C-alpha cells in the first residue's frame, strides 16, 4: 500500500485534527495525494499498525522508505522541495 503515481497516500480517520492540518499543508504546497480512511479498510489499518508500527493518524506514505505519522510540516516541506 505504497504511494501511487498520484502522490503520497495519507491514511487518516474522521474528525482527526492532525489529518486536517496535513491535508492543508499538502494543499498549500501543491502536492497531490490520495486519502485512505482507516475506519473503512481493515487491510489499511493492518498495514499502518502492523507493518509500519504506527498507532496514530495521519500516516503519510511517500514510498517504501519515506513515511511518517502525525502532522509533520518539516517532512511535507522536504517532500515539496
PDB file of N, CA and C in Angstrom:
ATOM      1  N   UNK A   1       0.828  -1.190   0.000  1.00  0.00           N
ATOM      2  CA  UNK A   1       0.000   0.000   0.000  1.00  0.00           C
ATOM      3  C   UNK A   1       0.867   1.245   0.000  1.00  0.00           C
ATOM      4  N   UNK A   2       1.701   1.313  -1.004  1.00  0.00           N
ATOM      5  CA  UNK A   2       2.603   2.449  -1.111  1.00  0.00           C
ATOM      6  C   UNK A   2       1.956   3.566  -1.909  1.00  0.00           C
ATOM      7  N   UNK A   3       2.643   4.681  -1.908  1.00  0.00           N
ATOM      8  CA  UNK A   3       2.170   5.832  -2.672  1.00  0.00           C
ATOM      9  C   UNK A   3       1.978   5.437  -4.130  1.00  0.00           C
ATOM     10  N   UNK A   4       1.145   6.175  -4.791  1.00  0.00           N
ATOM     11  CA  UNK A   4       0.814   5.880  -6.176  1.00  0.00           C
ATOM     12  C   UNK A   4       1.384   6.955  -7.089  1.00  0.00           C
ATOM     13  N   UNK A   5       1.124   6.802  -8.363  1.00  0.00           N
ATOM     14  CA  UNK A   5       1.543   7.824  -9.322  1.00  0.00           C
ATOM     15  C   UNK A   5       0.845   9.151  -9.050  1.00  0.00           C
ATOM     16  N   UNK A   6      -0.192   9.110  -8.220  1.00  0.00           N
ATOM     17  CA  UNK A   6      -0.933  10.323  -7.870  1.00  0.00           C
ATOM     18  C   UNK A   6      -0.391  10.984  -6.612  1.00  0.00           C
ATOM     19  N   UNK A   7       0.750  10.553  -6.137  1.00  0.00           N
ATOM     20  CA  UNK A   7       1.358  11.164  -4.966  1.00  0.00           C
ATOM     21  C   UNK A   7       1.245  10.307  -3.730  1.00  0.00           C
ATOM     22  N   UNK A   8       1.588  10.895  -2.589  1.00  0.00           N
ATOM     23  CA  UNK A   8       1.581  10.145  -1.340  1.00  0.00           C
ATOM     24  C   UNK A   8       0.183   9.662  -0.954  1.00  0.00           C
ATOM     25  N   UNK A   9       0.167   8.604  -0.164  1.00  0.00           N
ATOM     26  CA  UNK A   9      -1.072   8.142   0.446  1.00  0.00           C
ATOM     27  C   UNK A   9      -1.134   8.709   1.853  1.00  0.00           C
ATOM     28  N   UNK A  10      -2.275   9.247   2.225  1.00  0.00           N
ATOM     29  CA  UNK A  10      -2.482   9.762   3.576  1.00  0.00           C
ATOM     30  C   UNK A  10      -3.539   8.877   4.229  1.00  0.00           C
ATOM     31  N   UNK A  11      -3.094   8.059   5.177  1.00  0.00           N
ATOM     32  CA  UNK A  11      -4.007   7.204   5.928  1.00  0.00           C
ATOM     33  C   UNK A  11      -4.564   8.035   7.065  1.00  0.00           C
ATOM     34  N   UNK A  12      -5.876   8.145   7.141  1.00  0.00           N
ATOM     35  CA  UNK A  12      -6.474   9.067   8.103  1.00  0.00           C
ATOM     36  C   UNK A  12      -7.711   8.465   8.752  1.00  0.00           C
ATOM     37  N   UNK A  13      -8.264   9.240   9.684  1.00  0.00           N
ATOM     38  CA  UNK A  13      -9.509   8.886  10.370  1.00  0.00           C
ATOM     39  C   UNK A  13     -10.409  10.113  10.372  1.00  0.00           C
ATOM     40  N   UNK A  14     -11.714   9.904  10.463  1.00  0.00           N
ATOM     41  CA  UNK A  14     -12.629  11.046  10.543  1.00  0.00           C
ATOM     42  C   UNK A  14     -12.369  11.881  11.801  1.00  0.00           C
ATOM     43  N   UNK A  15     -12.631  13.163  11.697  1.00  0.00           N
ATOM     44  CA  UNK A  15     -12.505  14.093  12.826  1.00  0.00           C
ATOM     45  C   UNK A  15     -11.100  14.121  13.421  1.00  0.00           C
ATOM     46  N   UNK A  16     -10.107  13.981  12.585  1.00  0.00           N
ATOM     47  CA  UNK A  16      -8.706  13.940  13.015  1.00  0.00           C
ATOM     48  C   UNK A  16      -8.076  15.311  12.739  1.00  0.00           C
ATOM     49  N   UNK A  17      -7.760  16.033  13.796  1.00  0.00           N
ATOM     50  CA  UNK A  17      -7.214  17.385  13.661  1.00  0.00           C
ATOM     51  C   UNK A  17      -5.871  17.366  12.932  1.00  0.00           C
ATOM     52  N   UNK A  18      -4.994  16.429  13.287  1.00  0.00           N
ATOM     53  CA  UNK A  18      -3.693  16.360  12.623  1.00  0.00           C
ATOM     54  C   UNK A  18      -3.831  15.961  11.155  1.00  0.00           C
ATOM     55  N   UNK A  19      -4.849  15.169  10.850  1.00  0.00           N
ATOM     56  CA  UNK A  19      -5.103  14.801   9.451  1.00  0.00           C
ATOM     57  C   UNK A  19      -5.484  16.040   8.646  1.00  0.00           C
ATOM     58  N   UNK A  20      -6.383  16.839   9.191  1.00  0.00           N
ATOM     59  CA  UNK A  20      -6.808  18.065   8.515  1.00  0.00           C
ATOM     60  C   UNK A  20      -5.636  19.013   8.323  1.00  0.00           C
ATOM     61  N   UNK A  21      -4.791  19.148   9.325  1.00  0.00           N
ATOM     62  CA  UNK A  21      -3.608  20.007   9.208  1.00  0.00           C
ATOM     63  C   UNK A  21      -2.678  19.486   8.118  1.00  0.00           C
ATOM     64  N   UNK A  22      -2.556  18.172   8.014  1.00  0.00           N
ATOM     65  CA  UNK A  22      -1.712  17.568   6.978  1.00  0.00           C
ATOM     66  C   UNK A  22      -2.284  17.842   5.597  1.00  0.00           C
ATOM     67  N   UNK A  23      -3.593  17.659   5.422  1.00  0.00           N
ATOM     68  CA  UNK A  23      -4.222  17.956   4.121  1.00  0.00           C
ATOM     69  C   UNK A  23      -3.959  19.401   3.718  1.00  0.00           C
ATOM     70  N   UNK A  24      -4.151  20.312   4.655  1.00  0.00           N
ATOM     71  CA  UNK A  24      -3.970  21.734   4.349  1.00  0.00           C
ATOM     72  C   UNK A  24      -2.531  22.046   3.961  1.00  0.00           C
ATOM     73  N   UNK A  25      -1.579  21.467   4.671  1.00  0.00           N
ATOM     74  CA  UNK A  25      -0.169  21.713   4.351  1.00  0.00           C
ATOM     75  C   UNK A  25       0.187  21.137   2.985  1.00  0.00           C
ATOM     76  N   UNK A  26      -0.301  19.944   2.683  1.00  0.00           N
ATOM     77  CA  UNK A  26      -0.052  19.350   1.369  1.00  0.00           C
ATOM     78  C   UNK A  26      -0.686  20.202   0.274  1.00  0.00           C
ATOM     79  N   UNK A  27      -1.903  20.657   0.509  1.00  0.00           N
ATOM     80  CA  UNK A  27      -2.591  21.511  -0.464  1.00  0.00           C
ATOM     81  C   UNK A  27      -1.821  22.809  -0.704  1.00  0.00           C
ATOM     82  N   UNK A  28      -1.336  23.435   0.371  1.00  0.00           N
ATOM     83  CA  UNK A  28      -0.582  24.695   0.231  1.00  0.00           C
ATOM     84  C   UNK A  28       0.679  24.507  -0.607  1.00  0.00           C
ATOM     85  N   UNK A  29       1.277  23.330  -0.516  1.00  0.00           N
ATOM     86  CA  UNK A  29       2.496  23.052  -1.282  1.00  0.00           C
ATOM     87  C   UNK A  29       2.190  22.532  -2.684  1.00  0.00           C
ATOM     88  N   UNK A  30       0.920  22.346  -2.992  1.00  0.00           N
ATOM     89  CA  UNK A  30       0.543  21.856  -4.313  1.00  0.00           C
ATOM     90  C   UNK A  30       0.846  20.382  -4.517  1.00  0.00           C
ATOM     91  N   UNK A  31       0.940  19.636  -3.433  1.00  0.00           N
ATOM     92  CA  UNK A  31       1.242  18.206  -3.511  1.00  0.00           C
ATOM     93  C   UNK A  31      -0.067  17.435  -3.665  1.00  0.00           C
ATOM     94  N   UNK A  32      -0.153  16.666  -4.731  1.00  0.00           N
ATOM     95  CA  UNK A  32      -1.321  15.829  -4.974  1.00  0.00           C
ATOM     96  C   UNK A  32      -1.178  14.576  -4.114  1.00  0.00           C
ATOM     97  N   UNK A  33      -2.255  14.151  -3.479  1.00  0.00           N
ATOM     98  CA  UNK A  33      -2.215  12.991  -2.589  1.00  0.00           C
ATOM     99  C   UNK A  33      -3.546  12.267  -2.640  1.00  0.00           C
ATOM    100  N   UNK A  34      -3.559  11.058  -2.120  1.00  0.00           N
ATOM    101  CA  UNK A  34      -4.789  10.289  -2.000  1.00  0.00           C
ATOM    102  C   UNK A  34      -5.021   9.990  -0.529  1.00  0.00           C
ATOM    103  N   UNK A  35      -6.277   9.986  -0.123  1.00  0.00           N
ATOM    104  CA  UNK A  35      -6.645   9.715   1.265  1.00  0.00           C
ATOM    105  C   UNK A  35      -7.236   8.312   1.366  1.00  0.00           C
ATOM    106  N   UNK A  36      -6.787   7.579   2.380  1.00  0.00           N
ATOM    107  CA  UNK A  36      -7.341   6.269   2.697  1.00  0.00           C
ATOM    108  C   UNK A  36      -7.902   6.359   4.111  1.00  0.00           C
ATOM    109  N   UNK A  37      -9.197   6.130   4.261  1.00  0.00           N
ATOM    110  CA  UNK A  37      -9.853   6.187   5.568  1.00  0.00           C
ATOM    111  C   UNK A  37      -9.602   4.869   6.297  1.00  0.00           C
ATOM    112  N   UNK A  38      -8.870   4.940   7.397  1.00  0.00           N
ATOM    113  CA  UNK A  38      -8.520   3.740   8.153  1.00  0.00           C
ATOM    114  C   UNK A  38      -9.738   3.057   8.770  1.00  0.00           C
ATOM    115  N   UNK A  39     -10.812   3.800   8.968  1.00  0.00           N
ATOM    116  CA  UNK A  39     -12.010   3.196   9.558  1.00  0.00           C
ATOM    117  C   UNK A  39     -12.812   2.396   8.537  1.00  0.00           C
ATOM    118  N   UNK A  40     -12.451   2.529   7.263  1.00  0.00           N
ATOM    119  CA  UNK A  40     -13.182   1.824   6.208  1.00  0.00           C
ATOM    120  C   UNK A  40     -12.394   0.688   5.577  1.00  0.00           C
ATOM    121  N   UNK A  41     -11.154   0.479   6.004  1.00  0.00           N
ATOM    122  CA  UNK A  41     -10.327  -0.549   5.388  1.00  0.00           C
ATOM    123  C   UNK A  41      -9.515  -1.295   6.439  1.00  0.00           C
ATOM    124  N   UNK A  42      -9.905  -2.530   6.693  1.00  0.00           N
ATOM    125  CA  UNK A  42      -9.160  -3.358   7.649  1.00  0.00           C
ATOM    126  C   UNK A  42      -7.738  -3.605   7.154  1.00  0.00           C
ATOM    127  N   UNK A  43      -7.576  -3.768   5.845  1.00  0.00           N
ATOM    128  CA  UNK A  43      -6.241  -4.006   5.286  1.00  0.00           C
ATOM    129  C   UNK A  43      -5.341  -2.793   5.494  1.00  0.00           C
ATOM    130  N   UNK A  44      -5.882  -1.602   5.303  1.00  0.00           N
ATOM    131  CA  UNK A  44      -5.099  -0.381   5.514  1.00  0.00           C
ATOM    132  C   UNK A  44      -4.732  -0.228   6.983  1.00  0.00           C
ATOM    133  N   UNK A  45      -5.670  -0.511   7.877  1.00  0.00           N
ATOM    134  CA  UNK A  45      -5.399  -0.424   9.311  1.00  0.00           C
ATOM    135  C   UNK A  45      -4.304  -1.410   9.707  1.00  0.00           C
ATOM    136  N   UNK A  46      -4.358  -2.614   9.172  1.00  0.00           N
ATOM    137  CA  UNK A  46      -3.330  -3.614   9.467  1.00  0.00           C
ATOM    138  C   UNK A  46      -1.970  -3.158   8.942  1.00  0.00           C
ATOM    139  N   UNK A  47      -1.941  -2.616   7.744  1.00  0.00           N
ATOM    140  CA  UNK A  47      -0.690  -2.122   7.164  1.00  0.00           C
ATOM    141  C   UNK A  47      -0.069  -1.038   8.045  1.00  0.00           C
ATOM    142  N   UNK A  48      -0.863  -0.069   8.447  1.00  0.00           N
ATOM    143  CA  UNK A  48      -0.366   1.057   9.244  1.00  0.00           C
ATOM    144  C   UNK A  48       0.090   0.598  10.631  1.00  0.00           C
ATOM    145  N   UNK A  49      -0.701  -0.257  11.268  1.00  0.00           N
ATOM    146  CA  UNK A  49      -0.378  -0.648  12.644  1.00  0.00           C
ATOM    147  C   UNK A  49       0.629  -1.786  12.724  1.00  0.00           C
ATOM    148  N   UNK A  50       0.480  -2.785  11.886  1.00  0.00           N
ATOM    149  CA  UNK A  50       1.349  -3.963  11.978  1.00  0.00           C
ATOM    150  C   UNK A  50       2.641  -3.813  11.180  1.00  0.00           C
ATOM    151  N   UNK A  51       2.540  -3.395   9.932  1.00  0.00           N
ATOM    152  CA  UNK A  51       3.737  -3.307   9.094  1.00  0.00           C
ATOM    153  C   UNK A  51       4.558  -2.053   9.368  1.00  0.00           C
ATOM    154  N   UNK A  52       3.881  -0.913   9.523  1.00  0.00           N
ATOM    155  CA  UNK A  52       4.609   0.335   9.768  1.00  0.00           C
ATOM    156  C   UNK A  52       4.795   0.615  11.256  1.00  0.00           C
ATOM    157  N   UNK A  53       3.954   0.041  12.102  1.00  0.00           N
ATOM    158  CA  UNK A  53       4.094   0.186  13.545  1.00  0.00           C
ATOM    159  C   UNK A  53       3.542   1.468  14.140  1.00  0.00           C
ATOM    160  N   UNK A  54       2.626   2.126  13.445  1.00  0.00           N
ATOM    161  CA  UNK A  54       2.060   3.378  13.947  1.00  0.00           C
ATOM    162  C   UNK A  54       0.701   3.154  14.601  1.00  0.00           C
ATOM    163  N   UNK A  55       0.393   3.998  15.581  1.00  0.00           N
ATOM    164  CA  UNK A  55      -0.898   3.897  16.259  1.00  0.00           C
ATOM    165  C   UNK A  55      -1.661   5.218  16.241  1.00  0.00           C
ATOM    166  N   UNK A  56      -1.158   6.196  15.484  1.00  0.00           N
ATOM    167  CA  UNK A  56      -1.859   7.476  15.382  1.00  0.00           C
ATOM    168  C   UNK A  56      -2.006   7.863  13.925  1.00  0.00           C
ATOM    169  N   UNK A  57      -2.976   8.696  13.665  1.00  0.00           N
ATOM    170  CA  UNK A  57      -3.204   9.207  12.314  1.00  0.00           C
ATOM    171  C   UNK A  57      -2.845  10.691  12.308  1.00  0.00           C
ATOM    172  N   UNK A  58      -2.509  11.198  11.151  1.00  0.00           N
ATOM    173  CA  UNK A  58      -2.391  10.522   9.871  1.00  0.00           C
ATOM    174  C   UNK A  58      -1.059   9.790   9.752  1.00  0.00           C
ATOM    175  N   UNK A  59      -1.023   8.865   8.817  1.00  0.00           N
ATOM    176  CA  UNK A  59       0.230   8.248   8.400  1.00  0.00           C
ATOM    177  C   UNK A  59       0.373   8.583   6.924  1.00  0.00           C
ATOM    178  N   UNK A  60       1.477   9.218   6.584  1.00  0.00           N
ATOM    179  CA  UNK A  60       1.736   9.624   5.204  1.00  0.00           C
ATOM    180  C   UNK A  60       2.816   8.714   4.639  1.00  0.00           C
ATOM    181  N   UNK A  61       2.530   8.086   3.496  1.00  0.00           N
ATOM    182  CA  UNK A  61       3.485   7.190   2.851  1.00  0.00           C
ATOM    183  C   UNK A  61       3.838   7.776   1.490  1.00  0.00           C
ATOM    184  N   UNK A  62       5.102   8.182   1.362  1.00  0.00           N
ATOM    185  CA  UNK A  62       5.605   8.710   0.098  1.00  0.00           C
ATOM    186  C   UNK A  62       6.149   7.562  -0.742  1.00  0.00           C
ATOM    187  N   UNK A  63       6.957   6.702  -0.120  1.00  0.00           N
ATOM    188  CA  UNK A  63       7.455   5.487  -0.758  1.00  0.00           C
ATOM    189  C   UNK A  63       7.834   4.501   0.338  1.00  0.00           C
ATOM    190  N   UNK A  64       8.421   3.371  -0.038  1.00  0.00           N
ATOM    191  CA  UNK A  64       8.693   2.324   0.951  1.00  0.00           C
ATOM    192  C   UNK A  64       9.727   2.727   1.997  1.00  0.00           C
ATOM    193  N   UNK A  65      10.475   3.789   1.762  1.00  0.00           N
ATOM    194  CA  UNK A  65      11.483   4.246   2.714  1.00  0.00           C
ATOM    195  C   UNK A  65      11.154   5.603   3.330  1.00  0.00           C
ATOM    196  N   UNK A  66      10.116   6.251   2.866  1.00  0.00           N
ATOM    197  CA  UNK A  66       9.780   7.601   3.322  1.00  0.00           C
ATOM    198  C   UNK A  66       8.322   7.644   3.764  1.00  0.00           C
ATOM    199  N   UNK A  67       8.123   7.578   5.077  1.00  0.00           N
ATOM    200  CA  UNK A  67       6.780   7.627   5.646  1.00  0.00           C
ATOM    201  C   UNK A  67       6.872   8.142   7.073  1.00  0.00           C
ATOM    202  N   UNK A  68       5.756   8.680   7.564  1.00  0.00           N
ATOM    203  CA  UNK A  68       5.737   9.230   8.914  1.00  0.00           C
ATOM    204  C   UNK A  68       4.311   9.271   9.444  1.00  0.00           C
ATOM    205  N   UNK A  69       4.209   9.493  10.754  1.00  0.00           N
ATOM    206  CA  UNK A  69       2.908   9.625  11.410  1.00  0.00           C
ATOM    207  C   UNK A  69       2.800  10.999  12.043  1.00  0.00           C
ATOM    208  N   UNK A  70       1.570  11.484  12.125  1.00  0.00           N
ATOM    209  CA  UNK A  70       1.318  12.781  12.736  1.00  0.00           C
ATOM    210  C   UNK A  70       1.486  13.919  11.742  1.00  0.00           C
ATOM    211  N   UNK A  71       1.205  15.110  12.210  1.00  0.00           N
ATOM    212  CA  UNK A  71       1.368  16.307  11.380  1.00  0.00           C
ATOM    213  C   UNK A  71       2.831  16.693  11.394  1.00  0.00           C
ATOM    214  N   UNK A  72       3.493  16.584  10.238  1.00  0.00           N
ATOM    215  CA  UNK A  72       4.927  16.847  10.129  1.00  0.00           C
ATOM    216  C   UNK A  72       5.198  17.855   9.019  1.00  0.00           C
ATOM    217  N   UNK A  73       5.044  19.146   9.312  1.00  0.00           N
ATOM    218  CA  UNK A  73       5.291  20.159   8.279  1.00  0.00           C
ATOM    219  C   UNK A  73       6.714  20.115   7.747  1.00  0.00           C
ATOM    220  N   UNK A  74       7.676  19.684   8.565  1.00  0.00           N
ATOM    221  CA  UNK A  74       9.058  19.562   8.101  1.00  0.00           C
ATOM    222  C   UNK A  74       9.180  18.517   6.998  1.00  0.00           C
ATOM    223  N   UNK A  75       8.497  17.388   7.148  1.00  0.00           N
ATOM    224  CA  UNK A  75       8.536  16.331   6.134  1.00  0.00           C
ATOM    225  C   UNK A  75       7.802  16.770   4.864  1.00  0.00           C
ATOM    226  N   UNK A  76       6.695  17.465   5.042  1.00  0.00           N
ATOM    227  CA  UNK A  76       5.939  17.954   3.886  1.00  0.00           C
ATOM    228  C   UNK A  76       6.778  18.962   3.111  1.00  0.00           C
ATOM    229  N   UNK A  77       7.447  19.846   3.822  1.00  0.00           N
ATOM    230  CA  UNK A  77       8.331  20.832   3.186  1.00  0.00           C
ATOM    231  C   UNK A  77       9.443  20.137   2.408  1.00  0.00           C
ATOM    232  N   UNK A  78      10.052  19.116   3.008  1.00  0.00           N
ATOM    233  CA  UNK A  78      11.131  18.381   2.336  1.00  0.00           C
ATOM    234  C   UNK A  78      10.609  17.678   1.089  1.00  0.00           C
ATOM    235  N   UNK A  79       9.408  17.146   1.160  1.00  0.00           N
ATOM    236  CA  UNK A  79       8.826  16.456   0.011  1.00  0.00           C
ATOM    237  C   UNK A  79       8.507  17.436  -1.114  1.00  0.00           C
ATOM    238  N   UNK A  80       8.145  18.653  -0.763  1.00  0.00           N
ATOM    239  CA  UNK A  80       7.789  19.663  -1.763  1.00  0.00           C
ATOM    240  C   UNK A  80       9.012  20.215  -2.480  1.00  0.00           C
ATOM    241  N   UNK A  81      10.170  20.115  -1.846  1.00  0.00           N
ATOM    242  CA  UNK A  81      11.397  20.709  -2.412  1.00  0.00           C
ATOM    243  C   UNK A  81      11.882  19.980  -3.641  1.00  0.00           C
TER     244      UNK A  81
END
